[in-house]
């Protein structure tokens, strides 16, 4: 979160992702990746002592906030805790997707071009003014998913003369619709792109 909040694109930690979807059966790791299962077992006591209610009634070694969006190669991300509206393009590292923590919001992207276009739209004057009009800067988490969901990329792209570029990406299937993504704000109804 602090890296994104300060517009740094650095990786300081690695995470062992035990699931591809929330509530996926983690015991499959035992057969598919025995060394990983052994590692998890060695640290099981610590992992089992996580106090958050998020992990209650979930498979052992569950992770939070994981879904198809987590594995998109590119992302445009923002920290929810900072008082600036700086969106960072997050590239893959060693051909692996980068995960952001639960204090951040990320828009999944399939290509560098898509990520850069969305970042440009998010940093545009219309979007920045829109965000300033909605955000309570003094709140603990100024940026929320509810605020971000209200951004219309289609409208911003139209105002900036980038609608054709956005449509071209959408037609390639890179901008997807559906509930399988963390931020529906980028996944507007496909009819908007026709």
C-alpha atoms as a PDB file:
ATOM      1  CA  UNK A   1       0.000   0.000   0.000  1.00  0.00           C
ATOM      2  CA  UNK A   2       2.755   2.487   0.855  1.00  0.00           C
ATOM      3  CA  UNK A   3       4.552   1.686  -2.392  1.00  0.00           C
ATOM      4  CA  UNK A   4       1.432   2.458  -4.415  1.00  0.00           C
ATOM      5  CA  UNK A   5       0.581   5.477  -2.273  1.00  0.00           C
ATOM      6  CA  UNK A   6       3.997   6.925  -3.024  1.00  0.00           C
ATOM      7  CA  UNK A   7       3.888   5.930  -6.723  1.00  0.00           C
ATOM      8  CA  UNK A   8       6.624   3.329  -6.273  1.00  0.00           C
ATOM      9  CA  UNK A   9       6.490   0.208  -8.327  1.00  0.00           C
ATOM     10  CA  UNK A  10       8.731  -2.019  -6.261  1.00  0.00           C
ATOM     11  CA  UNK A  11       8.303  -5.558  -5.040  1.00  0.00           C
ATOM     12  CA  UNK A  12       9.488  -6.136  -1.499  1.00  0.00           C
ATOM     13  CA  UNK A  13       7.636  -9.305  -0.586  1.00  0.00           C
ATOM     14  CA  UNK A  14       6.591 -12.586  -2.095  1.00  0.00           C
ATOM     15  CA  UNK A  15       3.349 -14.343  -1.308  1.00  0.00           C
ATOM     16  CA  UNK A  16       2.430 -17.977  -1.492  1.00  0.00           C
ATOM     17  CA  UNK A  17      -0.994 -18.045  -3.139  1.00  0.00           C
ATOM     18  CA  UNK A  18      -2.778 -21.180  -1.999  1.00  0.00           C
ATOM     19  CA  UNK A  19      -6.007 -20.688  -3.940  1.00  0.00           C
ATOM     20  CA  UNK A  20      -7.241 -19.368  -7.257  1.00  0.00           C
ATOM     21  CA  UNK A  21     -10.706 -18.616  -5.882  1.00  0.00           C
ATOM     22  CA  UNK A  22     -11.963 -17.827  -2.400  1.00  0.00           C
ATOM     23  CA  UNK A  23     -12.983 -21.024  -0.604  1.00  0.00           C
ATOM     24  CA  UNK A  24     -11.087 -23.289  -3.035  1.00  0.00           C
ATOM     25  CA  UNK A  25      -9.968 -26.548  -1.469  1.00  0.00           C
ATOM     26  CA  UNK A  26      -6.383 -26.038  -0.303  1.00  0.00           C
ATOM     27  CA  UNK A  27      -5.788 -29.724   0.444  1.00  0.00           C
ATOM     28  CA  UNK A  28      -5.165 -30.219  -3.284  1.00  0.00           C
ATOM     29  CA  UNK A  29      -1.743 -28.681  -2.653  1.00  0.00           C
ATOM     30  CA  UNK A  30      -0.751 -31.833  -0.737  1.00  0.00           C
ATOM     31  CA  UNK A  31      -0.589 -33.885  -3.962  1.00  0.00           C
ATOM     32  CA  UNK A  32       0.177 -31.187  -6.523  1.00  0.00           C
ATOM     33  CA  UNK A  33       2.948 -29.416  -4.615  1.00  0.00           C
ATOM     34  CA  UNK A  34       4.209 -31.572  -1.730  1.00  0.00           C
ATOM     35  CA  UNK A  35       7.083 -29.228  -0.833  1.00  0.00           C
ATOM     36  CA  UNK A  36       4.658 -26.322  -0.594  1.00  0.00           C
ATOM     37  CA  UNK A  37       2.327 -28.410   1.565  1.00  0.00           C
ATOM     38  CA  UNK A  38       5.251 -29.296   3.818  1.00  0.00           C
ATOM     39  CA  UNK A  39       6.205 -25.622   4.114  1.00  0.00           C
ATOM     40  CA  UNK A  40       2.635 -24.682   5.005  1.00  0.00           C
ATOM     41  CA  UNK A  41       2.535 -27.484   7.566  1.00  0.00           C
ATOM     42  CA  UNK A  42       5.755 -26.272   9.203  1.00  0.00           C
ATOM     43  CA  UNK A  43       4.190 -22.833   9.607  1.00  0.00           C
ATOM     44  CA  UNK A  44       0.682 -24.123  10.229  1.00  0.00           C
ATOM     45  CA  UNK A  45       0.490 -23.057  13.850  1.00  0.00           C
ATOM     46  CA  UNK A  46       1.209 -19.434  12.970  1.00  0.00           C
ATOM     47  CA  UNK A  47      -1.140 -19.485   9.976  1.00  0.00           C
ATOM     48  CA  UNK A  48      -3.897 -21.129  12.001  1.00  0.00           C
ATOM     49  CA  UNK A  49      -3.644 -18.397  14.647  1.00  0.00           C
ATOM     50  CA  UNK A  50      -4.736 -15.621  12.264  1.00  0.00           C
ATOM     51  CA  UNK A  51      -7.508 -13.897  14.178  1.00  0.00           C
ATOM     52  CA  UNK A  52      -9.466 -12.288  11.360  1.00  0.00           C
ATOM     53  CA  UNK A  53     -13.006 -13.568  10.926  1.00  0.00           C
ATOM     54  CA  UNK A  54     -12.233 -13.743   7.205  1.00  0.00           C
ATOM     55  CA  UNK A  55     -10.401 -17.026   7.793  1.00  0.00           C
ATOM     56  CA  UNK A  56     -13.020 -18.667  10.003  1.00  0.00           C
ATOM     57  CA  UNK A  57     -14.933 -21.509   8.352  1.00  0.00           C
ATOM     58  CA  UNK A  58     -12.568 -21.430   5.373  1.00  0.00           C
ATOM     59  CA  UNK A  59     -10.173 -24.120   4.164  1.00  0.00           C
ATOM     60  CA  UNK A  60      -6.901 -24.266   6.074  1.00  0.00           C
ATOM     61  CA  UNK A  61      -4.220 -21.961   4.613  1.00  0.00           C
ATOM     62  CA  UNK A  62      -6.818 -19.806   2.839  1.00  0.00           C
ATOM     63  CA  UNK A  63      -5.855 -16.400   1.510  1.00  0.00           C
ATOM     64  CA  UNK A  64      -8.044 -13.317   1.324  1.00  0.00           C
ATOM     65  CA  UNK A  65      -9.089 -11.384  -1.757  1.00  0.00           C
ATOM     66  CA  UNK A  66      -8.184 -13.886  -4.419  1.00  0.00           C
ATOM     67  CA  UNK A  67     -10.001 -14.484  -7.691  1.00  0.00           C
ATOM     68  CA  UNK A  68      -9.415 -14.398 -11.445  1.00  0.00           C
ATOM     69  CA  UNK A  69      -8.490 -10.703 -11.226  1.00  0.00           C
ATOM     70  CA  UNK A  70      -5.525 -11.644  -9.017  1.00  0.00           C
ATOM     71  CA  UNK A  71      -3.855 -13.476 -11.866  1.00  0.00           C
ATOM     72  CA  UNK A  72      -4.185 -10.821 -14.558  1.00  0.00           C
ATOM     73  CA  UNK A  73      -0.684 -10.112 -15.854  1.00  0.00           C
ATOM     74  CA  UNK A  74      -1.048  -6.339 -15.602  1.00  0.00           C
ATOM     75  CA  UNK A  75      -2.928  -4.198 -13.117  1.00  0.00           C
ATOM     76  CA  UNK A  76      -3.689  -0.565 -12.469  1.00  0.00           C
ATOM     77  CA  UNK A  77      -3.725  -0.137  -8.704  1.00  0.00           C
ATOM     78  CA  UNK A  78      -4.305   2.489  -6.043  1.00  0.00           C
ATOM     79  CA  UNK A  79      -3.876   2.484  -2.280  1.00  0.00           C
ATOM     80  CA  UNK A  80      -7.118   3.004  -0.404  1.00  0.00           C
ATOM     81  CA  UNK A  81      -5.284   4.583   2.527  1.00  0.00           C
ATOM     82  CA  UNK A  82      -3.585   7.544   0.872  1.00  0.00           C
ATOM     83  CA  UNK A  83      -5.037  10.959   0.235  1.00  0.00           C
ATOM     84  CA  UNK A  84      -3.907  11.168  -3.385  1.00  0.00           C
ATOM     85  CA  UNK A  85      -5.507   9.767  -6.496  1.00  0.00           C
ATOM     86  CA  UNK A  86      -2.352   8.221  -7.957  1.00  0.00           C
ATOM     87  CA  UNK A  87      -2.920   5.075  -9.947  1.00  0.00           C
ATOM     88  CA  UNK A  88       0.118   2.896 -10.631  1.00  0.00           C
ATOM     89  CA  UNK A  89       0.608   0.501 -13.538  1.00  0.00           C
ATOM     90  CA  UNK A  90       1.760  -2.772 -11.966  1.00  0.00           C
ATOM     91  CA  UNK A  91       3.585  -5.013 -14.457  1.00  0.00           C
ATOM     92  CA  UNK A  92       4.252  -8.722 -14.089  1.00  0.00           C
ATOM     93  CA  UNK A  93       7.586  -9.654 -12.496  1.00  0.00           C
ATOM     94  CA  UNK A  94       9.429 -12.577 -14.095  1.00  0.00           C
ATOM     95  CA  UNK A  95       6.264 -13.332 -16.093  1.00  0.00           C
ATOM     96  CA  UNK A  96       4.260 -13.668 -12.868  1.00  0.00           C
ATOM     97  CA  UNK A  97       1.384 -11.439 -11.827  1.00  0.00           C
ATOM     98  CA  UNK A  98       1.912  -9.135  -8.872  1.00  0.00           C
ATOM     99  CA  UNK A  99      -0.658  -9.226  -6.073  1.00  0.00           C
ATOM    100  CA  UNK A 100      -1.641  -6.131  -4.113  1.00  0.00           C
ATOM    101  CA  UNK A 101      -2.638  -6.226  -0.468  1.00  0.00           C
ATOM    102  CA  UNK A 102      -6.137  -5.790   0.908  1.00  0.00           C
ATOM    103  CA  UNK A 103      -5.716  -2.052   1.464  1.00  0.00           C
ATOM    104  CA  UNK A 104      -5.398  -1.529  -2.294  1.00  0.00           C
ATOM    105  CA  UNK A 105      -7.725  -1.723  -5.260  1.00  0.00           C
ATOM    106  CA  UNK A 106      -6.591  -3.135  -8.583  1.00  0.00           C
ATOM    107  CA  UNK A 107      -8.071  -3.208 -12.050  1.00  0.00           C
ATOM    108  CA  UNK A 108      -6.996  -6.364 -13.911  1.00  0.00           C
ATOM    109  CA  UNK A 109      -5.492  -5.806 -17.360  1.00  0.00           C
ATOM    110  CA  UNK A 110      -4.262  -8.234 -19.979  1.00  0.00           C
ATOM    111  CA  UNK A 111      -1.752  -5.970 -21.742  1.00  0.00           C
ATOM    112  CA  UNK A 112       0.597  -3.099 -21.038  1.00  0.00           C
ATOM    113  CA  UNK A 113      -1.332  -0.968 -23.528  1.00  0.00           C
ATOM    114  CA  UNK A 114      -4.609  -1.569 -21.700  1.00  0.00           C
ATOM    115  CA  UNK A 115      -3.050  -0.721 -18.323  1.00  0.00           C
ATOM    116  CA  UNK A 116      -1.480   2.491 -19.611  1.00  0.00           C
ATOM    117  CA  UNK A 117      -4.730   3.600 -21.265  1.00  0.00           C
ATOM    118  CA  UNK A 118      -6.734   3.012 -18.082  1.00  0.00           C
ATOM    119  CA  UNK A 119      -4.095   4.825 -16.026  1.00  0.00           C
ATOM    120  CA  UNK A 120      -4.283   7.793 -18.416  1.00  0.00           C
ATOM    121  CA  UNK A 121      -8.069   7.867 -18.096  1.00  0.00           C
ATOM    122  CA  UNK A 122      -7.811   7.677 -14.301  1.00  0.00           C
ATOM    123  CA  UNK A 123      -5.236  10.486 -14.140  1.00  0.00           C
ATOM    124  CA  UNK A 124      -7.233  12.700 -16.499  1.00  0.00           C
ATOM    125  CA  UNK A 125      -8.686  15.983 -15.308  1.00  0.00           C
ATOM    126  CA  UNK A 126     -12.332  14.786 -15.536  1.00  0.00           C
ATOM    127  CA  UNK A 127     -11.625  11.698 -13.420  1.00  0.00           C
ATOM    128  CA  UNK A 128      -9.483  13.538 -10.888  1.00  0.00           C
ATOM    129  CA  UNK A 129     -12.133  16.252 -10.446  1.00  0.00           C
ATOM    130  CA  UNK A 130     -14.831  13.605 -10.146  1.00  0.00           C
ATOM    131  CA  UNK A 131     -12.863  11.774  -7.437  1.00  0.00           C
ATOM    132  CA  UNK A 132     -12.192  14.996  -5.534  1.00  0.00           C
ATOM    133  CA  UNK A 133     -15.922  15.710  -5.497  1.00  0.00           C
ATOM    134  CA  UNK A 134     -16.740  12.321  -3.942  1.00  0.00           C
ATOM    135  CA  UNK A 135     -13.890  11.521  -1.568  1.00  0.00           C
ATOM    136  CA  UNK A 136     -13.752  12.537   2.083  1.00  0.00           C
ATOM    137  CA  UNK A 137     -10.016  13.131   2.320  1.00  0.00           C
ATOM    138  CA  UNK A 138      -9.961  13.047   6.134  1.00  0.00           C
ATOM    139  CA  UNK A 139     -11.479   9.573   6.387  1.00  0.00           C
ATOM    140  CA  UNK A 140      -9.323   6.615   7.406  1.00  0.00           C
ATOM    141  CA  UNK A 141      -9.707   5.015   3.961  1.00  0.00           C
ATOM    142  CA  UNK A 142     -10.407   7.878   1.554  1.00  0.00           C
ATOM    143  CA  UNK A 143     -10.497   5.710  -1.574  1.00  0.00           C
ATOM    144  CA  UNK A 144     -13.222   3.066  -1.528  1.00  0.00           C
ATOM    145  CA  UNK A 145     -14.534   0.594  -4.050  1.00  0.00           C
ATOM    146  CA  UNK A 146     -17.897   2.369  -3.930  1.00  0.00           C
ATOM    147  CA  UNK A 147     -16.264   5.597  -5.105  1.00  0.00           C
ATOM    148  CA  UNK A 148     -14.171   3.854  -7.756  1.00  0.00           C
ATOM    149  CA  UNK A 149     -17.180   1.961  -9.130  1.00  0.00           C
ATOM    150  CA  UNK A 150     -18.767   5.251 -10.089  1.00  0.00           C
ATOM    151  CA  UNK A 151     -16.086   6.091 -12.651  1.00  0.00           C
ATOM    152  CA  UNK A 152     -17.273   5.602 -16.223  1.00  0.00           C
ATOM    153  CA  UNK A 153     -14.298   4.802 -18.416  1.00  0.00           C
ATOM    154  CA  UNK A 154     -16.541   5.069 -21.454  1.00  0.00           C
ATOM    155  CA  UNK A 155     -17.533   8.632 -20.606  1.00  0.00           C
ATOM    156  CA  UNK A 156     -14.009   9.720 -19.669  1.00  0.00           C
ATOM    157  CA  UNK A 157     -12.610   8.175 -22.868  1.00  0.00           C
ATOM    158  CA  UNK A 158     -15.285   9.972 -24.906  1.00  0.00           C
ATOM    159  CA  UNK A 159     -14.404  13.321 -23.318  1.00  0.00           C
ATOM    160  CA  UNK A 160     -10.695  12.789 -23.983  1.00  0.00           C
ATOM    161  CA  UNK A 161     -11.112  11.578 -27.554  1.00  0.00           C
ATOM    162  CA  UNK A 162      -9.929   8.075 -26.598  1.00  0.00           C
ATOM    163  CA  UNK A 163     -13.212   6.221 -27.023  1.00  0.00           C
ATOM    164  CA  UNK A 164     -12.060   4.446 -30.207  1.00  0.00           C
ATOM    165  CA  UNK A 165      -8.919   3.247 -28.413  1.00  0.00           C
ATOM    166  CA  UNK A 166     -10.983   1.955 -25.486  1.00  0.00           C
ATOM    167  CA  UNK A 167     -13.397   0.249 -27.892  1.00  0.00           C
ATOM    168  CA  UNK A 168     -10.504  -1.430 -29.714  1.00  0.00           C
ATOM    169  CA  UNK A 169      -9.248  -2.929 -26.454  1.00  0.00           C
ATOM    170  CA  UNK A 170     -12.771  -3.983 -25.486  1.00  0.00           C
ATOM    171  CA  UNK A 171     -13.259  -5.734 -28.833  1.00  0.00           C
ATOM    172  CA  UNK A 172     -10.075  -7.720 -28.236  1.00  0.00           C
ATOM    173  CA  UNK A 173     -11.792  -9.089 -25.163  1.00  0.00           C
ATOM    174  CA  UNK A 174      -9.365  -7.450 -22.762  1.00  0.00           C
ATOM    175  CA  UNK A 175     -11.957  -5.408 -20.924  1.00  0.00           C
ATOM    176  CA  UNK A 176     -14.373  -7.975 -19.611  1.00  0.00           C
ATOM    177  CA  UNK A 177     -17.776  -7.829 -18.073  1.00  0.00           C
ATOM    178  CA  UNK A 178     -19.027  -9.924 -15.210  1.00  0.00           C
ATOM    179  CA  UNK A 179     -18.723 -10.351 -11.485  1.00  0.00           C
ATOM    180  CA  UNK A 180     -15.438 -12.244 -11.580  1.00  0.00           C
ATOM    181  CA  UNK A 181     -13.402  -9.060 -11.276  1.00  0.00           C
ATOM    182  CA  UNK A 182     -12.713  -7.104  -8.147  1.00  0.00           C
ATOM    183  CA  UNK A 183     -13.604  -3.699  -9.551  1.00  0.00           C
ATOM    184  CA  UNK A 184     -16.737  -3.568 -11.645  1.00  0.00           C
ATOM    185  CA  UNK A 185     -15.914   0.039 -12.533  1.00  0.00           C
ATOM    186  CA  UNK A 186     -13.835  -1.069 -15.493  1.00  0.00           C
ATOM    187  CA  UNK A 187     -16.206  -3.831 -16.411  1.00  0.00           C
ATOM    188  CA  UNK A 188     -19.072  -1.737 -17.675  1.00  0.00           C
ATOM    189  CA  UNK A 189     -21.864  -3.363 -19.617  1.00  0.00           C
ATOM    190  CA  UNK A 190     -20.497  -4.623 -22.915  1.00  0.00           C
ATOM    191  CA  UNK A 191     -23.324  -2.781 -24.686  1.00  0.00           C
ATOM    192  CA  UNK A 192     -21.545   0.473 -23.822  1.00  0.00           C
ATOM    193  CA  UNK A 193     -18.743  -0.512 -26.181  1.00  0.00           C
ATOM    194  CA  UNK A 194     -20.928  -1.205 -29.220  1.00  0.00           C
END
